[in-house]
Amino acid sequence: MSARNRSCSSSILQACSSSSFTRQPSRVLIVDASPPWWSETCTVLCQALEDFFFLASSLAGPVRLPLLSVFAISVQLECLLPFVQVKGNLTRLLSCVEELRSLPQEGCVRQRGSLLKQAVLDSLQQFKQYMCHTAHGDFNSNFVEVTVLTCQSGQTVLRQLEQDLKNSDLISLRRLLVVHITLQQSLSDRSPACSLETPSSEDDHEESPLLGTEMELQLVEGTVVALENALKMWLHDQGGDREQLHLLLPPSLTAQGSTPHPANNRPSPVCLKCDMQERLLSPALLPSTPDLGVKTESMHDFQPPNKSLANPSAQRLRVVKVLHADGVCQSVLYGLPLVIRPTSCWQLDWDEMETNHQTFHALCHILKTRDWFLLVRSDPGSGSGSGVFSYYVLQSSGSLSLLLKPVLTRELMLPCSLPVSMEDPPLPALATMESSLEQLEKDPVFNPLCLDSNLYQHLRFRGLLTPSLQPFGAQGQGRGHRRGASRPPEGSTQRQGRQSQSRARATVAPLPSIPLNKMPRPSLNLSHSRPCAPALFFQDSYEEEDPLITQ
């Protein structure tokens, strides 16, 4: 990674760490590895855990997962991993997965409910001891979230945990999540691979016995991708103490939407309070993979590393699939786009350049008329040899050009639950929003040249505050010139004058030495004469001194 990329990544990480991920809880994972279901989920779950640990332990930036502890319920209760820091601790995490694989897949387990209760209480006691005897460091949260992975009925497990823990000290337990892994034999008619359900009780008005603790049930399909997404939920920002975004719109003219400001008694703008959620992990958080998400901020970053400056190599992108434009979600695209157009390199033959131009024109025409995108992948031969691929989307435009946009991959994608409302909004809220939007200016075509971000004034202010950087030796030359300008002693007038004259000539780049017979001259027109332009002053002086012209 270049110095510019490192500085850019560090600035992104500093901005991210200053405002987010300040309330990340520690995690406890309880795996129900009891037979006979463990033989069907062992391989899938261990693979998902390995992939998640590869990613979570390598992420730079703010701490998303401070501490993790893993318990397993097999023939007996085992603590496979006491509380450890996840970042930079891959070896310890992988050894925990190997111990999980070695658990017996056959046998009989008695009193599974009591083992679940014991696992929750042991994890809370372990966390309390860890926080008492260890400096907190970057850990700003004193709460724990417990996740139970099981193939049994989620409702049964959740109801049993409620009854067993109702008289226990759960002051540090913020959330208890039961993940029901649905196997292929027991899959219901649910279409999503991951869904949330609230625990049902016989009496809806009866309060939960676990006060202050959220209890949820989640159904997850027994696949590697679905289990990865369930684990990646831990990487989201969990600081929900207050809203993260205020979206301000013009004041509404309706009676319900207009609220006078207490200071000036004017209508207040319509304020929508929102939360934000990440859709993907930035490749800048994984500095050890230079080929992942090749930068598109500039041409220098996009080009592959050249071993020979005399013969630079071109980036190679291989088209792998045709996509329909309406089937590409904008949330999976990231980074800055690059414009691609047919080459005008002078080293190509004229016929080859014309054929390439016509073929490129045909490609743009087909993509535009059929409303297609192209999914392209970086050629492994043009990268640094790490074996990591980057994917991009090629989008057609009205001109003879294509737009190249990076697209995220499975490893970088974070789970995002986007609810879809099938009902229309209430009429008062709809009238308020329509009245507010009607006051905005409408542009049929967006022109970014009309937008001014005040960047020039900011750069001017920063530039005037920054001290000027003088060339090396410029200060000494200035002092020498002043000493040469002073009156020299008697008897050394001619010598000092020559030295100061040589210093003055040294500050100016010398003209190239060209023989007179190779000096380029403009053609003379003797039919009329006109005044000499200032730019031709030196050429006219050469022509007057040229003996070939004077003769």
Foldseek 3Di string as FASTA:
>chain_A
DDPVLVVVLVVVLVVDQVPFQQAQAAEEEEEECEPQCNVVQLVLLLVLQLLLLVPQQQFDHARLHAWYWYWYQYLHIDTLGQIDGSHNPSVSSNSSSVVSSPGDNDDDHPPVLVRVLVSVVVNLVSLVVCPVPDDCVSHNHQAYEYEYEDQDDQLVNLVSNLVVCLPPDRVRYQEYEYEHEHEPVRDDPDDDQKDWDAHDDPDPPDDRSDPNYHYIYMYHYSHSLRSNQVVLVSRKTPPPPAFDDKDWFAQFPDPVRFDADPPPRGTGTRIDTHHDIAFWADCSRRVVDCQEPQAPPDPVRNAADAPDPVDGDGWDKAWDDKAAQVPDDPSQWDHDKDKFAQDPDPVDDPVVSVVSNVVLQVVLVVCVVRRMKTKIKTDCVRHPNPPDIWIWIWHHDPDSIIITITGDDSSTGHDDDDDDDPDDDDPVVVSRVVRRVVPDDDDPDDDCVVDDPCVVVVVVVVVVPDDDDDPPCPVVLVVVLVVLVDDDDPPCRVVSVVVSVVSVVVVDDDDDDDDPVPDDADDDDPPDDDDDDPVCPVRVVVLVPDVVNVD
